[in-house]
């Protein structure tokens, strides 16, 4: 039985009929031949009930549609590495390959991660699954066989940033175990690179996995450990980001006073100006406008009436390329209007949130939309 296919489909709230429609739409868009609708109904049923193996041709369609790896889709273990006749020759070949990683190649790694980050922000994570997995494999291979610190450090730093992005994408796609493993990889790479900012960032984002799994208090402890790990070594922007993350996690853990204190600390730390990226920490997007939206999110969770003002201010200045973040902003407005019993306004923003969540294929936002729908 392909529990991987069934789980991924269910995570999106799709029926088998919806999956079939999506396969047909994908095939038309990419000029691919697929079976008739009637045959696809049989295939999907047989795939999910273990009566037919998912062929490589259909797996290549299903992976970007559902945001799964091949192993997750087929619910099968990863293939073992092929045996080699001479282990030393193979080892030296890999070491020589890793040693030859040049600064220009490291820059290419960063550029590739940045491209994936931009695509994810605008289009969502599900269609990047294959490319992101291959990118991580390339970086991890280079790091595993790099011998000297002068080679390892830049590759490890590139891997830390790429792994954290891949982890957040996995979390957004509903693949929580994959997200956790990617965060563990990011933390190992950050330690190898001796990069406390990257380590703290990975720890704090991993705290969201705990929070969404129902361990909010443990998530708060982890984000505070991340702050202690960073200390004063990081830039003001990453420290403000950590305070804002703590505020959100405290709100989820029903710790309102701690949440408000953390928000105040973020406000006091964020650098002035419109710049939102730190040259030493490209994973972070944060300025005063972003922080206004984050404050509204936290206040909405706390049921504070001031949330609406902050959220509408953030909506007016939101970057249109941050599509998934805008879906979250509309969800925040639904929550804020519900707290004020303003149901018509809540419905309006719920429709926008649902549309944007569907556009990016975000399972995480879809779950939030469904939860908010149940309150209307």
Protein backbone atom coordinates (compact mmCIF):
# COMPACT_ATOMS: atom_id res chain seq x y z
CA UNK A 1 0.00 0.00 0.00
CA UNK A 2 1.38 3.45 -0.91
CA UNK A 3 0.68 5.18 2.37
CA UNK A 4 3.06 7.93 1.24
CA UNK A 5 0.81 8.92 -1.67
CA UNK A 6 -2.34 8.69 0.42
CA UNK A 7 -0.80 10.72 3.29
CA UNK A 8 0.49 13.45 0.98
CA UNK A 9 -2.86 13.69 -0.78
CA UNK A 10 -4.77 13.80 2.51
CA UNK A 11 -2.42 16.44 3.93
CA UNK A 12 -3.59 18.77 1.17
CA UNK A 13 -7.21 17.96 1.78
CA UNK A 14 -7.47 16.53 -1.73
CA UNK A 15 -9.84 13.77 -2.73
CA UNK A 16 -8.70 11.20 -5.26
CA UNK A 17 -10.73 13.10 -7.87
CA UNK A 18 -8.92 16.34 -7.03
CA UNK A 19 -5.56 14.57 -7.38
CA UNK A 20 -6.60 13.27 -10.80
CA UNK A 21 -7.58 16.78 -11.92
CA UNK A 22 -4.24 18.12 -10.71
CA UNK A 23 -2.35 15.40 -12.61
CA UNK A 24 -4.24 16.30 -15.78
CA UNK A 25 -3.64 20.04 -15.31
CA UNK A 26 0.07 19.45 -14.70
CA UNK A 27 0.30 17.23 -17.78
CA UNK A 28 -1.38 19.85 -19.99
CA UNK A 29 0.83 22.62 -18.65
CA UNK A 30 4.03 20.63 -19.24
CA UNK A 31 2.87 18.95 -22.46
CA UNK A 32 3.01 15.41 -21.04
CA UNK A 33 1.00 12.37 -22.01
CA UNK A 34 -1.04 10.75 -19.24
CA UNK A 35 -3.77 8.16 -19.19
CA UNK A 36 -7.45 8.98 -19.58
CA UNK A 37 -9.45 10.21 -16.61
CA UNK A 38 -11.07 6.81 -16.20
CA UNK A 39 -7.70 5.06 -16.24
CA UNK A 40 -6.21 7.57 -13.78
CA UNK A 41 -9.03 6.77 -11.36
CA UNK A 42 -7.97 3.13 -11.49
CA UNK A 43 -4.27 3.99 -11.20
CA UNK A 44 -4.70 6.22 -8.13
CA UNK A 45 -6.81 3.63 -6.36
CA UNK A 46 -4.34 0.86 -7.19
CA UNK A 47 -1.33 3.00 -6.24
CA UNK A 48 -2.81 3.75 -2.83
CA UNK A 49 -3.87 0.14 -2.21
CA UNK A 50 -0.60 -1.45 -3.26
CA UNK A 51 -1.98 -3.11 -6.39
CA UNK A 52 0.14 -1.09 -8.81
CA UNK A 53 3.63 0.40 -8.43
CA UNK A 54 3.98 4.11 -9.16
CA UNK A 55 6.01 4.32 -12.35
CA UNK A 56 8.88 6.77 -12.70
CA UNK A 57 6.83 8.74 -15.26
CA UNK A 58 3.96 9.35 -12.86
CA UNK A 59 6.26 9.78 -9.84
CA UNK A 60 7.88 12.70 -11.68
CA UNK A 61 4.43 14.34 -11.86
CA UNK A 62 3.29 13.46 -8.33
CA UNK A 63 6.42 14.69 -6.52
CA UNK A 64 6.09 18.37 -7.49
CA UNK A 65 2.31 18.25 -7.11
CA UNK A 66 2.47 16.88 -3.56
CA UNK A 67 5.83 18.22 -2.38
CA UNK A 68 7.27 14.81 -1.50
CA UNK A 69 10.56 13.08 -2.05
CA UNK A 70 10.56 9.88 -4.08
CA UNK A 71 11.01 7.75 -0.95
CA UNK A 72 8.13 9.53 0.81
CA UNK A 73 5.88 9.14 -2.22
CA UNK A 74 6.53 5.45 -2.68
CA UNK A 75 6.87 4.86 1.07
CA UNK A 76 10.09 3.00 0.39
CA UNK A 77 13.60 3.11 1.90
CA UNK A 78 16.28 5.05 0.07
CA UNK A 79 18.41 2.90 -2.23
CA UNK A 80 21.69 1.69 -0.81
CA UNK A 81 24.90 3.05 -2.24
CA UNK A 82 26.37 0.77 -4.92
CA UNK A 83 29.25 -1.44 -3.92
CA UNK A 84 32.65 -0.61 -5.43
CA UNK A 85 35.47 -2.93 -6.22
CA UNK A 86 38.19 -0.76 -4.75
CA UNK A 87 37.01 1.31 -1.81
CA UNK A 88 40.21 3.34 -1.58
CA UNK A 89 40.08 4.41 -5.21
CA UNK A 90 36.48 5.53 -4.79
CA UNK A 91 37.29 7.36 -1.54
CA UNK A 92 40.24 9.22 -3.03
CA UNK A 93 38.19 10.16 -6.06
CA UNK A 94 35.58 11.74 -3.81
CA UNK A 95 38.20 13.49 -1.66
CA UNK A 96 39.91 14.91 -4.76
CA UNK A 97 36.55 16.09 -6.06
CA UNK A 98 35.74 17.83 -2.77
CA UNK A 99 39.20 19.39 -2.56
CA UNK A 100 38.70 20.97 -5.97
CA UNK A 101 35.68 23.00 -4.79
CA UNK A 102 36.66 26.55 -5.72
CA UNK A 103 35.36 29.88 -4.39
CA UNK A 104 33.43 30.31 -7.62
CA UNK A 105 31.76 26.93 -7.06
CA UNK A 106 30.84 27.90 -3.49
CA UNK A 107 29.32 31.10 -4.89
CA UNK A 108 27.34 28.97 -7.32
CA UNK A 109 26.01 26.96 -4.36
CA UNK A 110 24.84 30.19 -2.69
CA UNK A 111 23.32 31.47 -5.93
CA UNK A 112 21.40 28.22 -6.37
CA UNK A 113 20.04 28.43 -2.81
CA UNK A 114 19.04 32.04 -3.42
CA UNK A 115 17.20 31.06 -6.60
CA UNK A 116 15.30 28.36 -4.71
CA UNK A 117 14.51 30.85 -1.94
CA UNK A 118 13.03 33.31 -4.44
CA UNK A 119 11.01 30.61 -6.21
CA UNK A 120 9.74 29.30 -2.88
CA UNK A 121 8.69 32.76 -1.76
CA UNK A 122 6.72 33.44 -4.92
CA UNK A 123 5.47 30.00 -6.03
CA UNK A 124 5.64 27.74 -2.98
CA UNK A 125 7.82 24.81 -2.00
CA UNK A 126 6.09 21.77 -3.45
CA UNK A 127 7.41 22.15 -6.99
CA UNK A 128 11.02 22.46 -5.82
CA UNK A 129 11.28 19.16 -4.00
CA UNK A 130 13.45 17.31 -6.54
CA UNK A 131 15.76 20.24 -7.23
CA UNK A 132 16.19 21.03 -3.53
CA UNK A 133 16.95 17.39 -2.67
CA UNK A 134 19.63 17.21 -5.37
CA UNK A 135 21.12 20.53 -4.20
CA UNK A 136 21.44 19.24 -0.64
CA UNK A 137 22.97 15.96 -1.84
CA UNK A 138 25.61 17.86 -3.80
CA UNK A 139 26.50 20.09 -0.84
CA UNK A 140 26.54 17.24 1.66
CA UNK A 141 28.74 15.15 -0.64
CA UNK A 142 31.19 18.03 -0.95
CA UNK A 143 31.29 18.49 2.83
CA UNK A 144 31.56 14.79 3.70
CA UNK A 145 34.75 14.40 1.68
CA UNK A 146 36.35 17.81 2.26
CA UNK A 147 39.41 17.29 4.45
CA UNK A 148 40.92 20.66 5.38
CA UNK A 149 39.11 23.43 7.29
CA UNK A 150 39.78 25.92 4.50
CA UNK A 151 37.61 23.80 2.22
CA UNK A 152 35.08 22.58 4.77
CA UNK A 153 34.12 25.91 6.30
CA UNK A 154 32.61 27.63 3.22
CA UNK A 155 30.87 24.45 2.06
CA UNK A 156 29.47 23.83 5.56
CA UNK A 157 28.14 27.38 5.68
CA UNK A 158 26.44 26.95 2.30
CA UNK A 159 24.96 23.64 3.47
CA UNK A 160 23.66 25.19 6.70
CA UNK A 161 21.75 27.86 4.80
CA UNK A 162 20.40 25.46 2.17
CA UNK A 163 19.34 22.87 4.77
CA UNK A 164 17.42 25.41 6.81
CA UNK A 165 15.57 26.54 3.67
CA UNK A 166 14.84 22.92 2.74
CA UNK A 167 13.58 22.25 6.26
CA UNK A 168 11.15 25.18 6.19
CA UNK A 169 9.93 24.05 2.77
CA UNK A 170 9.38 20.54 4.11
CA UNK A 171 7.46 21.91 7.09
CA UNK A 172 5.32 23.99 4.74
CA UNK A 173 4.63 20.87 2.67
CA UNK A 174 3.54 18.87 5.72
CA UNK A 175 6.63 16.61 5.73
CA UNK A 176 7.48 17.17 9.39
CA UNK A 177 9.97 14.32 9.82
CA UNK A 178 11.92 15.49 6.77
CA UNK A 179 11.85 19.02 8.18
CA UNK A 180 13.29 17.80 11.49
CA UNK A 181 16.09 15.88 9.76
CA UNK A 182 16.99 18.87 7.61
CA UNK A 183 17.20 21.07 10.70
CA UNK A 184 19.52 18.53 12.33
CA UNK A 185 21.69 18.62 9.19
CA UNK A 186 21.66 22.43 9.26
CA UNK A 187 22.78 22.47 12.89
CA UNK A 188 25.63 20.01 12.22
CA UNK A 189 26.76 22.06 9.24
CA UNK A 190 26.60 25.32 11.23
CA UNK A 191 28.72 23.81 13.99
CA UNK A 192 31.21 22.57 11.40
CA UNK A 193 31.34 26.07 9.92
CA UNK A 194 31.67 27.64 13.40
CA UNK A 195 28.71 29.88 12.49
CA UNK A 196 26.63 30.69 15.61
CA UNK A 197 24.16 32.83 13.64
CA UNK A 198 23.28 29.94 11.34
CA UNK A 199 23.12 27.54 14.28
CA UNK A 200 20.78 29.81 16.25
CA UNK A 201 18.57 30.32 13.20
CA UNK A 202 18.23 26.57 12.60
CA UNK A 203 17.47 25.94 16.29
CA UNK A 204 14.80 28.64 16.39
CA UNK A 205 13.05 27.43 13.24
CA UNK A 206 13.19 23.86 14.54
CA UNK A 207 11.30 25.11 17.59
CA UNK A 208 8.31 25.70 15.28
CA UNK A 209 8.22 21.98 14.50
CA UNK A 210 7.90 21.27 18.22
CA UNK A 211 5.25 23.94 18.66
CA UNK A 212 3.13 22.69 15.77
CA UNK A 213 3.46 19.14 17.08
CA UNK A 214 1.84 20.24 20.35
CA UNK A 215 5.03 20.81 22.37
CA UNK A 216 4.85 24.60 22.54
CA UNK A 217 6.62 24.94 25.90
CA UNK A 218 9.51 22.83 24.60
CA UNK A 219 9.61 25.03 21.51
CA UNK A 220 9.95 28.11 23.73
CA UNK A 221 12.84 26.47 25.58
CA UNK A 222 14.59 25.68 22.29
CA UNK A 223 14.29 29.20 20.90
CA UNK A 224 15.67 30.55 24.18
CA UNK A 225 18.55 28.10 23.92
CA UNK A 226 19.14 29.50 20.44
CA UNK A 227 19.37 33.01 21.91
CA UNK A 228 21.85 31.81 24.53
CA UNK A 229 23.86 30.02 21.85
CA UNK A 230 24.13 33.22 19.85
CA UNK A 231 24.71 35.56 22.78
CA UNK A 232 25.95 38.91 21.50
CA UNK A 233 27.82 37.31 18.59
CA UNK A 234 25.10 37.91 16.04
CA UNK A 235 23.92 40.99 14.23
CA UNK A 236 21.07 43.10 15.66
CA UNK A 237 18.78 41.82 12.89
CA UNK A 238 19.17 38.13 13.78
CA UNK A 239 18.76 38.95 17.48
CA UNK A 240 15.55 40.87 16.73
CA UNK A 241 14.37 37.90 14.64
CA UNK A 242 15.01 35.53 17.55
CA UNK A 243 13.05 37.77 19.94
CA UNK A 244 10.12 37.89 17.49
CA UNK A 245 10.21 34.10 17.09
CA UNK A 246 10.22 33.76 20.88
CA UNK A 247 7.19 36.07 21.08
CA UNK A 248 5.23 33.96 18.59
CA UNK A 249 6.15 30.70 20.30
CA UNK A 250 5.25 32.14 23.72
CA UNK A 251 1.85 33.20 22.36
CA UNK A 252 1.27 29.64 21.14
CA UNK A 253 2.30 28.34 24.56
CA UNK A 254 -0.22 30.63 26.32
CA UNK A 255 2.49 32.80 27.87
CA UNK A 256 1.11 36.30 27.09
CA UNK A 257 3.39 38.33 29.35
CA UNK A 258 6.50 36.61 27.98
CA UNK A 259 5.22 37.14 24.43
CA UNK A 260 4.79 40.88 24.95
CA UNK A 261 8.22 41.21 26.59
CA UNK A 262 9.80 39.42 23.63
CA UNK A 263 7.99 41.73 21.18
CA UNK A 264 9.31 44.75 23.03
CA UNK A 265 12.83 43.29 22.90
CA UNK A 266 12.49 42.75 19.14
CA UNK A 267 11.32 46.37 18.66
CA UNK A 268 14.26 47.62 20.71
CA UNK A 269 16.78 45.57 18.70
CA UNK A 270 15.67 45.82 15.05
CA UNK A 271 17.92 48.16 12.99
CA UNK A 272 16.31 51.28 11.57
CA UNK A 273 15.69 51.67 7.85
CA UNK A 274 14.02 49.70 5.07
CA UNK A 275 16.79 47.14 4.54
CA UNK A 276 15.57 43.69 5.50
CA UNK A 277 18.55 41.40 4.87
CA UNK A 278 21.83 41.00 6.70
CA UNK A 279 24.77 40.31 4.35
CA UNK A 280 26.02 37.70 6.81
CA UNK A 281 22.61 36.02 7.26
CA UNK A 282 20.72 35.90 3.96
CA UNK A 283 18.08 33.56 5.39
CA UNK A 284 16.57 36.38 7.43
CA UNK A 285 14.11 38.91 6.03
CA UNK A 286 13.27 41.42 8.76
CA UNK A 287 12.79 45.17 9.04
CA UNK A 288 10.34 47.40 10.84
CA UNK A 289 7.51 46.64 8.39
CA UNK A 290 7.99 42.88 8.73
CA UNK A 291 8.12 43.24 12.48
CA UNK A 292 4.81 45.14 12.44
CA UNK A 293 3.22 42.16 10.72
CA UNK A 294 4.83 39.79 13.25
CA UNK A 295 3.54 41.90 16.14
CA UNK A 296 0.04 41.72 14.66
CA UNK A 297 0.35 37.95 14.36
CA UNK A 298 1.32 37.58 18.00
CA UNK A 299 -1.34 40.00 19.25
CA UNK A 300 -3.98 38.19 17.18
CA UNK A 301 -3.07 34.90 18.85
CA UNK A 302 -3.35 36.63 22.22
CA UNK A 303 -6.81 38.01 21.32
CA UNK A 304 -5.55 41.58 21.66
CA UNK A 305 -7.71 44.18 19.90
CA UNK A 306 -4.62 46.14 18.82
CA UNK A 307 -3.74 43.34 16.40
CA UNK A 308 -6.06 44.63 13.66
CA UNK A 309 -4.27 47.97 13.34
CA UNK A 310 -0.83 46.39 13.12
CA UNK A 311 -2.01 43.82 10.59
CA UNK A 312 -3.67 46.33 8.25
CA UNK A 313 -0.55 48.48 8.43
CA UNK A 314 1.51 45.42 7.46
CA UNK A 315 -0.92 44.52 4.67
CA UNK A 316 -0.51 47.98 3.15
CA UNK A 317 3.27 47.63 2.95
CA UNK A 318 3.55 43.88 2.21
CA UNK A 319 5.96 42.84 -0.54
CA UNK A 320 3.76 41.19 -3.22
CA UNK A 321 6.46 38.58 -3.90
CA UNK A 322 6.05 37.13 -0.39
CA UNK A 323 2.98 35.16 -1.44
CA UNK A 324 2.99 32.56 1.34
CA UNK A 325 3.68 35.22 3.98
CA UNK A 326 0.72 37.19 2.64
CA UNK A 327 -1.48 34.11 3.07
CA UNK A 328 -0.35 34.03 6.69
CA UNK A 329 -1.12 37.72 7.05
CA UNK A 330 -4.69 37.20 5.85
CA UNK A 331 -4.99 34.29 8.33
CA UNK A 332 -3.83 36.64 11.08
CA UNK A 333 -6.53 39.13 10.08
CA UNK A 334 -9.16 36.40 10.19
CA UNK A 335 -8.06 35.55 13.72
CA UNK A 336 -8.00 39.20 14.77
CA UNK A 337 -11.49 39.91 13.37
CA UNK A 338 -12.88 36.76 14.98
CA UNK A 339 -11.62 38.00 18.36
CA UNK A 340 -13.70 41.15 17.76
CA UNK A 341 -16.73 39.18 16.47
CA UNK A 342 -16.37 40.90 13.07
CA UNK A 343 -17.43 37.90 11.04
CA UNK A 344 -17.95 39.52 7.62
CA UNK A 345 -14.41 40.92 7.65
CA UNK A 346 -13.12 37.56 8.82
CA UNK A 347 -14.82 35.83 5.88
CA UNK A 348 -13.30 38.27 3.41
CA UNK A 349 -9.76 37.60 4.60
CA UNK A 350 -10.40 33.87 4.90
CA UNK A 351 -11.20 33.73 1.17
CA UNK A 352 -7.96 35.53 0.36
CA UNK A 353 -5.97 33.26 2.66
CA UNK A 354 -7.47 30.13 1.09
CA UNK A 355 -6.71 31.39 -2.42
CA UNK A 356 -3.08 32.20 -1.63
CA UNK A 357 -2.53 28.96 0.30
CA UNK A 358 -3.81 27.01 -2.70
CA UNK A 359 -1.63 29.04 -5.05
CA UNK A 360 1.54 28.10 -3.15
CA UNK A 361 0.46 24.56 -2.26
CA UNK A 362 1.14 25.27 1.42
CA UNK A 363 -0.17 22.44 3.59
CA UNK A 364 0.76 24.41 6.69
CA UNK A 365 -1.32 27.43 5.68
CA UNK A 366 -4.13 25.20 4.40
CA UNK A 367 -4.42 23.58 7.83
CA UNK A 368 -4.61 26.99 9.42
CA UNK A 369 -7.31 28.08 6.96
CA UNK A 370 -9.32 24.95 7.72
CA UNK A 371 -8.99 25.55 11.46
CA UNK A 372 -10.15 29.15 11.12
CA UNK A 373 -13.03 28.06 8.83
CA UNK A 374 -14.33 25.83 11.60
CA UNK A 375 -14.69 28.91 13.83
CA UNK A 376 -16.92 30.79 11.38
